[in-house]
C-alpha atoms as a PDB file:
ATOM      1  CA  MET A   1      -9.520 -44.581  62.759  1.00  0.00           C
ATOM      2  CA  GLY A   2     -11.238 -44.218  66.045  1.00  0.00           C
ATOM      3  CA  SER A   3     -13.979 -41.778  65.065  1.00  0.00           C
ATOM      4  CA  THR A   4     -17.163 -42.403  63.138  1.00  0.00           C
ATOM      5  CA  TRP A   5     -20.027 -40.276  61.847  1.00  0.00           C
ATOM      6  CA  ALA A   6     -22.580 -42.962  62.701  1.00  0.00           C
ATOM      7  CA  VAL A   7     -23.890 -41.198  65.821  1.00  0.00           C
ATOM      8  CA  ASP A   8     -27.206 -39.797  66.994  1.00  0.00           C
ATOM      9  CA  LEU A   9     -27.285 -36.278  65.518  1.00  0.00           C
ATOM     10  CA  ALA A  10     -29.529 -35.050  68.352  1.00  0.00           C
ATOM     11  CA  ASN A  11     -26.522 -35.385  70.670  1.00  0.00           C
ATOM     12  CA  THR A  12     -24.118 -33.730  68.232  1.00  0.00           C
ATOM     13  CA  GLY A  13     -23.393 -30.017  68.262  1.00  0.00           C
ATOM     14  CA  ALA A  14     -23.463 -27.796  65.215  1.00  0.00           C
ATOM     15  CA  VAL A  15     -21.826 -29.322  62.170  1.00  0.00           C
ATOM     16  CA  TYR A  16     -21.118 -26.058  60.350  1.00  0.00           C
ATOM     17  CA  PRO A  17     -18.714 -23.214  61.092  1.00  0.00           C
ATOM     18  CA  TRP A  18     -19.664 -19.851  62.599  1.00  0.00           C
ATOM     19  CA  GLN A  19     -22.907 -20.981  64.203  1.00  0.00           C
ATOM     20  CA  GLY A  20     -24.579 -18.123  66.015  1.00  0.00           C
ATOM     21  CA  TYR A  21     -23.291 -15.504  63.552  1.00  0.00           C
ATOM     22  CA  GLU A  22     -26.065 -15.899  60.976  1.00  0.00           C
ATOM     23  CA  LEU A  23     -27.873 -12.668  61.882  1.00  0.00           C
ATOM     24  CA  ILE A  24     -24.625 -10.679  61.880  1.00  0.00           C
ATOM     25  CA  MET A  25     -23.702 -12.089  58.457  1.00  0.00           C
ATOM     26  CA  VAL A  26     -27.160 -11.205  57.075  1.00  0.00           C
ATOM     27  CA  ILE A  27     -26.865  -7.644  58.407  1.00  0.00           C
ATOM     28  CA  VAL A  28     -23.387  -7.282  56.884  1.00  0.00           C
ATOM     29  CA  ALA A  29     -24.597  -8.723  53.566  1.00  0.00           C
ATOM     30  CA  VAL A  30     -27.565  -6.321  53.409  1.00  0.00           C
ATOM     31  CA  ALA A  31     -25.328  -3.361  54.300  1.00  0.00           C
ATOM     32  CA  LEU A  32     -22.837  -4.314  51.566  1.00  0.00           C
ATOM     33  CA  TRP A  33     -25.696  -4.762  49.096  1.00  0.00           C
ATOM     34  CA  ILE A  34     -27.021  -1.274  49.887  1.00  0.00           C
ATOM     35  CA  LEU A  35     -23.528   0.246  49.644  1.00  0.00           C
ATOM     36  CA  TRP A  36     -23.016  -1.455  46.276  1.00  0.00           C
ATOM     37  CA  HIS A  37     -26.252   0.101  44.997  1.00  0.00           C
ATOM     38  CA  ILE A  38     -25.200   3.544  46.222  1.00  0.00           C
ATOM     39  CA  ALA A  39     -21.818   3.199  44.491  1.00  0.00           C
ATOM     40  CA  GLN A  40     -23.516   1.942  41.319  1.00  0.00           C
ATOM     41  CA  LEU A  41     -25.945   4.874  41.275  1.00  0.00           C
ATOM     42  CA  ARG A  42     -23.086   7.343  41.722  1.00  0.00           C
ATOM     43  CA  GLU A  43     -21.119   5.731  38.893  1.00  0.00           C
ATOM     44  CA  GLU A  44     -24.114   5.746  36.544  1.00  0.00           C
ATOM     45  CA  LYS A  45     -24.877   9.377  37.414  1.00  0.00           C
ATOM     46  CA  ALA A  46     -21.286  10.367  36.617  1.00  0.00           C
ATOM     47  CA  GLU A  47     -21.384   8.391  33.365  1.00  0.00           C
ATOM     48  CA  PHE A  48     -24.674  10.038  32.383  1.00  0.00           C
ATOM     49  CA  ALA A  49     -23.261  13.508  33.168  1.00  0.00           C
ATOM     50  CA  GLU A  50     -20.225  12.688  31.002  1.00  0.00           C
ATOM     51  CA  ASP A  51     -22.514  11.620  28.146  1.00  0.00           C
ATOM     52  CA  ILE A  52     -24.501  14.842  28.431  1.00  0.00           C
ATOM     53  CA  ARG A  53     -21.252  16.845  28.445  1.00  0.00           C
ATOM     54  CA  LYS A  54     -20.008  14.903  25.450  1.00  0.00           C
ATOM     55  CA  TYR A  55     -23.186  14.621  23.362  1.00  0.00           C
ATOM     56  CA  GLY A  56     -25.426  17.473  24.470  1.00  0.00           C
ATOM     57  CA  SER A  57     -28.664  17.696  26.377  1.00  0.00           C
ATOM     58  CA  LYS A  58     -31.033  14.964  27.532  1.00  0.00           C
ATOM     59  CA  GLU A  59     -33.362  15.821  24.674  1.00  0.00           C
ATOM     60  CA  SER A  60     -30.690  15.410  21.976  1.00  0.00           C
ATOM     61  CA  ILE A  61     -29.601  12.068  23.477  1.00  0.00           C
ATOM     62  CA  LYS A  62     -33.236  10.894  23.568  1.00  0.00           C
ATOM     63  CA  LYS A  63     -33.747  12.023  19.954  1.00  0.00           C
ATOM     64  CA  ALA A  64     -30.607  10.195  18.824  1.00  0.00           C
ATOM     65  CA  LEU A  65     -31.707   7.012  20.607  1.00  0.00           C
ATOM     66  CA  ASP A  66     -35.197   7.259  19.091  1.00  0.00           C
ATOM     67  CA  GLU A  67     -33.746   7.690  15.613  1.00  0.00           C
ATOM     68  CA  HIS A  68     -31.234   4.844  16.024  1.00  0.00           C
ATOM     69  CA  PRO A  69     -32.736   2.103  18.217  1.00  0.00           C
ATOM     70  CA  VAL A  70     -30.323  -0.387  19.616  1.00  0.00           C
END
């Protein structure tokens, strides 16, 4: 038990891992966020196209939703 945390923090280095990589991690996080949105938009577009194929045109889907609100 030779070490202690009771030291002057001004003389201590970083106390968290990966210091200096914050900007890189933010860039990666923003890129992944954008990619997720692109994938989500593609999935929703495919699902909407499937609904139109299955149930008819946009107008008939809108009419059905207006007649039967959720």
